Amino acid sequence: MQAPSFLKESSTIYAPASGVGRAAISVIRISGPACDSVLRMLTSGKTARDRVASLRSIVHPKTGELLDRGLVLRFEAPRSFTGEDMVELQLTGGRAVLNAVLGALGAIAGLRPGEPGEFAWRAFENGKIDLSQVEGLADLVEAQTEAQRAQALRIAGGALSRQTEAIRALLVEAMALVEAQIDFSDQEDAATLDLAQVRELADGAAEAIRKCLANARSGEALREGYVVVIAGPPNVGKSTLMNALAQRDVSIVSAIPGTTRDAIEVHLDLRGYPITLVDTAGLRDSFDPIEKEGTIFSSRHQWLHK
């Protein structure tokens, strides 16, 4: 697979940093060595102080047409998200305004749109964040529940990095004890190798690794969401339970056995945890070909999500 082109260059890039659609404010980020000159082109020769918000008229760099009035934030390297010179434009949130400013940026020679993940890559390349924090930021953007947000924020804040660094410190200390004995065993004042201490350090590192792996499995489940299948005989309250948990009428409730024939899914936020709840057909022998198909499907669904 060919490596992304941005790995081989350090040009100045730009991209929207806010969502698509109408809003009060839209944000565009610019990062790279030409940030100052780009800012002057967009503000009729004006600039802005480092880390101070300034109200500026945003104009087209070639025609001088007024596009919007908004706040400009300038960040000098290395005190920025990417570690490079950066500019942030906070504009009126209308789609037409955003498109007009993006079009103006595209008209500036040497400036190009950033590729997906390129801002985070530059932050990683300049030592602002590590790979686990990059993953945490991506999860934070995608988080839909409170538990997902809390987990992503811990990782983005360096929790995993601190855990791995602690494991590394234990292993380095164990290696240092062994290598000191190997390299300086002929010295009279060399300490005798304490295997118990080395073993204790190695065991501590192994236990910490096991905890990290266990947390990774539970963290992946939280990131992807849990699937809970409601299965059982007909008329035991599966659909009633489904509606109660969803707090709305999702499944038809009836005293007639076999009412539910297809698997019915609903996505819930249960106390911060993402749950996909599945109501299934009652498990029983039936001569109705449609109900029988639903029962077989329900059995498969239950087996897949055990």
Protein backbone atom coordinates (compact mmCIF):
# COMPACT_ATOMS: atom_id res chain seq x y z
CA MET A 1 0.00 0.00 0.00
CA GLN A 2 1.37 3.39 -0.97
CA ALA A 3 2.13 5.75 1.92
CA PRO A 4 0.05 8.97 2.11
CA SER A 5 1.68 11.84 0.25
CA PHE A 6 1.71 14.08 3.33
CA LEU A 7 4.33 11.83 4.95
CA LYS A 8 6.88 13.14 2.46
CA GLU A 9 6.27 16.90 2.60
CA SER A 10 5.77 19.80 5.00
CA SER A 11 3.58 22.15 2.97
CA THR A 12 0.99 24.45 4.50
CA ILE A 13 -2.43 22.82 4.76
CA TYR A 14 -5.97 23.83 5.70
CA ALA A 15 -9.19 22.00 6.62
CA PRO A 16 -12.51 22.59 8.38
CA ALA A 17 -12.29 21.65 12.07
CA SER A 18 -16.04 21.81 12.75
CA GLY A 19 -18.96 19.69 11.59
CA VAL A 20 -20.92 20.00 8.37
CA GLY A 21 -24.23 21.87 8.50
CA ARG A 22 -25.65 25.13 9.83
CA ALA A 23 -24.23 26.38 13.11
CA ALA A 24 -23.38 29.63 14.86
CA ILE A 25 -19.65 29.18 14.18
CA SER A 26 -17.51 27.27 11.69
CA VAL A 27 -13.82 26.70 12.34
CA ILE A 28 -11.04 26.35 9.77
CA ARG A 29 -7.49 25.41 10.74
CA ILE A 30 -4.35 26.28 8.79
CA SER A 31 -0.99 24.73 9.66
CA GLY A 32 2.48 25.06 8.18
CA PRO A 33 5.32 27.48 7.45
CA ALA A 34 3.24 29.87 5.30
CA CYS A 35 0.57 30.57 7.93
CA ASP A 36 1.56 34.21 8.49
CA SER A 37 1.57 35.09 4.78
CA VAL A 38 -1.77 33.30 4.27
CA LEU A 39 -3.28 35.24 7.16
CA ARG A 40 -2.11 38.56 5.68
CA MET A 41 -3.66 37.64 2.32
CA LEU A 42 -6.99 36.91 3.99
CA THR A 43 -7.02 40.05 6.19
CA SER A 44 -5.78 42.76 3.79
CA GLY A 45 -2.22 42.73 5.11
CA LYS A 46 -3.06 42.51 8.80
CA THR A 47 -1.80 39.84 11.17
CA ALA A 48 -2.59 38.84 14.76
CA ARG A 49 -0.69 38.48 18.01
CA ASP A 50 0.33 35.03 19.18
CA ARG A 51 -2.49 33.29 21.12
CA VAL A 52 -4.72 36.40 21.13
CA ALA A 53 -8.15 36.40 19.45
CA SER A 54 -8.53 39.25 16.95
CA LEU A 55 -11.62 40.35 15.01
CA ARG A 56 -10.78 40.59 11.33
CA SER A 57 -12.50 41.05 7.99
CA ILE A 58 -11.87 37.95 5.85
CA VAL A 59 -11.41 38.82 2.17
CA HIS A 60 -10.68 36.88 -1.00
CA PRO A 61 -6.90 37.09 -1.58
CA LYS A 62 -7.26 37.79 -5.32
CA THR A 63 -10.41 39.89 -5.67
CA GLY A 64 -10.50 41.59 -2.25
CA GLU A 65 -14.18 40.66 -1.90
CA LEU A 66 -15.41 40.62 1.71
CA LEU A 67 -16.32 37.05 2.64
CA ASP A 68 -17.04 37.33 6.37
CA ARG A 69 -16.01 38.94 9.65
CA GLY A 70 -14.70 36.55 12.27
CA LEU A 71 -12.18 35.82 14.98
CA VAL A 72 -8.61 34.94 14.06
CA LEU A 73 -6.32 33.00 16.40
CA ARG A 74 -2.62 32.66 15.64
CA PHE A 75 -0.35 30.08 17.30
CA GLU A 76 3.41 30.28 16.88
CA ALA A 77 5.42 27.06 16.74
CA PRO A 78 5.96 24.98 18.77
CA ARG A 79 3.06 26.06 21.04
CA SER A 80 0.26 24.73 18.84
CA PHE A 81 -1.65 21.49 18.32
CA THR A 82 0.54 20.40 15.41
CA GLY A 83 3.77 21.92 16.76
CA GLU A 84 3.91 24.14 13.63
CA ASP A 85 2.75 27.71 13.03
CA MET A 86 -1.05 27.55 13.03
CA VAL A 87 -3.97 29.87 12.32
CA GLU A 88 -7.58 29.23 13.33
CA LEU A 89 -10.45 31.07 11.66
CA GLN A 90 -13.73 31.23 13.58
CA LEU A 91 -16.35 32.19 11.01
CA THR A 92 -20.11 32.53 10.68
CA GLY A 93 -21.47 28.98 10.57
CA GLY A 94 -23.44 29.18 7.32
CA ARG A 95 -22.49 26.69 4.63
CA ALA A 96 -22.08 29.43 2.01
CA VAL A 97 -19.59 31.32 4.19
CA LEU A 98 -17.56 28.17 4.84
CA ASN A 99 -17.49 27.27 1.15
CA ALA A 100 -16.46 30.81 0.17
CA VAL A 101 -13.52 30.88 2.61
CA LEU A 102 -12.42 27.36 1.64
CA GLY A 103 -12.54 28.45 -2.00
CA ALA A 104 -10.41 31.50 -1.18
CA LEU A 105 -7.84 29.32 0.57
CA GLY A 106 -7.78 26.99 -2.41
CA ALA A 107 -6.88 29.95 -4.64
CA ILE A 108 -3.62 30.60 -2.74
CA ALA A 109 -0.59 29.06 -4.45
CA GLY A 110 1.27 26.50 -2.34
CA LEU A 111 -1.65 25.97 0.02
CA ARG A 112 -3.53 22.67 -0.16
CA PRO A 113 -6.35 20.88 1.70
CA GLY A 114 -5.16 18.62 4.49
CA GLU A 115 -5.68 14.90 4.02
CA PRO A 116 -7.67 12.88 6.59
CA GLY A 117 -5.59 12.55 9.75
CA GLU A 118 -2.85 14.89 8.58
CA PHE A 119 -3.20 17.43 11.40
CA ALA A 120 -2.96 14.62 13.98
CA TRP A 121 -0.01 13.12 12.09
CA ARG A 122 1.88 16.41 12.22
CA ALA A 123 1.16 16.66 15.96
CA PHE A 124 2.56 13.14 16.40
CA GLU A 125 5.57 13.83 14.16
CA ASN A 126 6.43 16.94 16.18
CA GLY A 127 6.16 15.15 19.53
CA LYS A 128 2.95 16.86 20.68
CA ILE A 129 1.03 13.58 21.09
CA ASP A 130 1.83 9.86 20.84
CA LEU A 131 -0.03 7.17 18.90
CA SER A 132 -2.28 6.20 21.81
CA GLN A 133 -3.34 9.84 22.20
CA VAL A 134 -4.07 10.02 18.47
CA GLU A 135 -6.39 7.03 18.89
CA GLY A 136 -7.95 8.64 21.96
CA LEU A 137 -8.69 11.84 20.04
CA ALA A 138 -10.34 9.85 17.25
CA ASP A 139 -12.46 7.98 19.81
CA LEU A 140 -13.37 11.27 21.50
CA VAL A 141 -14.68 12.66 18.22
CA GLU A 142 -16.75 9.49 17.68
CA ALA A 143 -17.96 9.16 21.30
CA GLN A 144 -21.76 9.05 21.60
CA THR A 145 -22.21 8.13 25.27
CA GLU A 146 -20.80 9.33 28.58
CA ALA A 147 -18.79 6.15 29.16
CA GLN A 148 -17.25 6.37 25.69
CA ARG A 149 -16.39 10.03 26.28
CA ALA A 150 -14.73 9.32 29.64
CA GLN A 151 -12.67 6.45 28.23
CA ALA A 152 -11.55 8.39 25.16
CA LEU A 153 -10.64 11.42 27.27
CA ARG A 154 -8.44 9.30 29.55
CA ILE A 155 -6.56 7.87 26.56
CA ALA A 156 -6.28 11.25 24.81
CA GLY A 157 -4.93 12.68 28.08
CA GLY A 158 -2.07 10.16 28.11
CA ALA A 159 -3.37 7.52 30.56
CA LEU A 160 -2.22 4.63 28.37
CA SER A 161 1.11 6.35 27.71
CA ARG A 162 1.75 6.67 31.44
CA GLN A 163 0.92 2.99 31.97
CA THR A 164 3.29 1.83 29.24
CA GLU A 165 6.03 4.15 30.47
CA ALA A 166 5.71 2.66 33.97
CA ILE A 167 6.07 -0.85 32.49
CA ARG A 168 9.11 0.27 30.51
CA ALA A 169 10.71 1.71 33.66
CA LEU A 170 10.36 -1.63 35.46
CA LEU A 171 11.91 -3.55 32.57
CA VAL A 172 14.76 -1.05 32.16
CA GLU A 173 15.57 -1.33 35.86
CA ALA A 174 15.61 -5.13 35.67
CA MET A 175 17.85 -5.03 32.59
CA ALA A 176 20.19 -2.56 34.27
CA LEU A 177 20.71 -4.92 37.23
CA VAL A 178 21.52 -7.84 34.95
CA GLU A 179 23.76 -5.89 32.57
CA ALA A 180 25.66 -4.26 35.43
CA GLN A 181 26.58 -7.69 36.74
CA ILE A 182 27.62 -8.88 33.27
CA ASP A 183 29.70 -5.80 32.46
CA PHE A 184 31.29 -5.24 35.89
CA SER A 185 31.40 -8.70 37.45
CA ASP A 186 35.21 -8.55 37.62
CA GLN A 187 35.15 -5.38 39.72
CA GLU A 188 35.76 -5.88 43.43
CA ASP A 189 33.07 -3.43 44.48
CA ALA A 190 30.47 -4.81 42.04
CA ALA A 191 27.26 -5.78 43.79
CA THR A 192 26.15 -9.39 43.66
CA LEU A 193 23.30 -9.97 41.24
CA ASP A 194 20.05 -10.18 43.19
CA LEU A 195 17.88 -12.53 41.12
CA ALA A 196 14.94 -12.10 43.48
CA GLN A 197 14.90 -8.35 42.84
CA VAL A 198 15.13 -8.87 39.08
CA ARG A 199 12.30 -11.41 39.21
CA GLU A 200 10.18 -9.05 41.28
CA LEU A 201 10.63 -6.26 38.74
CA ALA A 202 9.87 -8.58 35.81
CA ASP A 203 6.78 -9.99 37.56
CA GLY A 204 5.55 -6.46 38.24
CA ALA A 205 5.93 -5.57 34.57
CA ALA A 206 4.15 -8.78 33.48
CA GLU A 207 1.23 -8.11 35.82
CA ALA A 208 0.93 -4.54 34.55
CA ILE A 209 0.91 -5.83 30.95
CA ARG A 210 -1.85 -8.32 31.79
CA LYS A 211 -3.96 -5.52 33.29
CA CYS A 212 -3.42 -3.35 30.20
CA LEU A 213 -4.50 -6.18 27.89
CA ALA A 214 -7.59 -6.87 29.99
CA ASN A 215 -8.49 -3.18 29.94
CA ALA A 216 -7.92 -3.11 26.17
CA ARG A 217 -10.49 -5.86 25.63
CA SER A 218 -13.11 -4.13 27.77
CA GLY A 219 -12.21 -0.80 26.17
CA GLU A 220 -12.73 -2.21 22.69
CA ALA A 221 -16.16 -3.53 23.71
CA LEU A 222 -17.09 -0.10 25.05
CA ARG A 223 -15.83 1.59 21.90
CA GLU A 224 -17.78 -0.71 19.57
CA GLY A 225 -20.83 -1.02 21.83
CA TYR A 226 -22.52 -4.03 23.41
CA VAL A 227 -25.11 -6.25 21.72
CA VAL A 228 -27.77 -7.66 24.07
CA VAL A 229 -30.18 -10.25 22.65
CA ILE A 230 -33.51 -10.85 24.40
CA ALA A 231 -34.34 -14.52 23.76
CA GLY A 232 -36.74 -17.05 25.24
CA PRO A 233 -40.09 -18.81 24.77
CA PRO A 234 -43.10 -16.93 23.34
CA ASN A 235 -45.18 -14.67 25.60
CA VAL A 236 -42.69 -14.34 28.47
CA GLY A 237 -42.39 -10.54 28.14
CA LYS A 238 -39.48 -10.10 25.72
CA SER A 239 -41.18 -7.34 23.71
CA THR A 240 -42.53 -5.70 26.89
CA LEU A 241 -38.98 -5.61 28.30
CA MET A 242 -37.71 -4.21 25.00
CA ASN A 243 -40.24 -1.35 25.09
CA ALA A 244 -39.57 -0.65 28.77
CA LEU A 245 -35.82 -0.34 28.24
CA ALA A 246 -36.25 1.74 25.07
CA GLN A 247 -38.92 3.87 26.84
CA ARG A 248 -41.05 3.80 23.69
CA ASP A 249 -43.05 1.35 21.62
CA VAL A 250 -40.48 -0.46 19.51
CA SER A 251 -41.94 -3.99 19.42
CA ILE A 252 -45.61 -5.00 19.09
CA VAL A 253 -46.90 -6.51 22.32
CA SER A 254 -49.66 -9.11 21.97
CA ALA A 255 -50.97 -12.15 23.81
CA ILE A 256 -50.88 -14.08 20.52
CA PRO A 257 -47.75 -16.29 20.36
CA GLY A 258 -45.46 -15.62 17.40
CA THR A 259 -46.21 -11.90 17.09
CA THR A 260 -42.49 -11.05 16.85
CA ARG A 261 -40.99 -12.77 13.82
CA ASP A 262 -38.05 -10.62 12.75
CA ALA A 263 -35.19 -9.44 14.95
CA ILE A 264 -35.93 -5.86 16.01
CA GLU A 265 -32.95 -3.70 17.00
CA VAL A 266 -32.81 -0.45 18.91
CA HIS A 267 -29.70 1.54 19.89
CA LEU A 268 -29.72 2.78 23.48
CA ASP A 269 -27.59 4.83 25.83
CA LEU A 270 -27.97 2.98 29.13
CA ARG A 271 -26.24 4.93 31.88
CA GLY A 272 -23.50 5.99 29.48
CA TYR A 273 -22.98 2.60 27.83
CA PRO A 274 -23.81 2.06 24.13
CA ILE A 275 -26.19 -0.89 23.81
CA THR A 276 -27.78 -2.47 20.75
CA LEU A 277 -30.83 -4.29 22.12
CA VAL A 278 -32.32 -7.05 19.95
CA ASP A 279 -35.84 -8.41 20.39
CA THR A 280 -36.24 -11.86 18.78
CA ALA A 281 -38.95 -14.34 17.92
CA GLY A 282 -40.01 -16.75 20.68
CA LEU A 283 -38.09 -20.02 20.67
CA ARG A 284 -40.55 -22.87 20.09
CA ASP A 285 -41.51 -25.53 17.54
CA SER A 286 -43.87 -24.10 14.95
CA PHE A 287 -45.43 -25.26 11.69
CA ASP A 288 -45.86 -21.69 10.42
CA PRO A 289 -43.04 -21.30 7.85
CA ILE A 290 -42.64 -17.55 8.52
CA GLU A 291 -42.54 -17.94 12.30
CA LYS A 292 -40.22 -20.93 11.91
CA GLU A 293 -37.80 -18.80 9.88
CA GLY A 294 -37.88 -16.12 12.59
CA THR A 295 -37.22 -18.72 15.29
CA ILE A 296 -34.21 -20.09 13.41
CA PHE A 297 -32.90 -16.55 12.94
CA SER A 298 -33.39 -15.80 16.63
CA SER A 299 -31.44 -18.91 17.61
CA ARG A 300 -28.55 -17.89 15.39
CA HIS A 301 -28.62 -14.34 16.74
CA GLN A 302 -28.53 -15.60 20.33
CA TRP A 303 -25.61 -17.94 19.58
CA LEU A 304 -23.58 -15.24 17.80
CA HIS A 305 -23.82 -12.80 20.72
CA LYS A 306 -23.26 -15.14 23.65
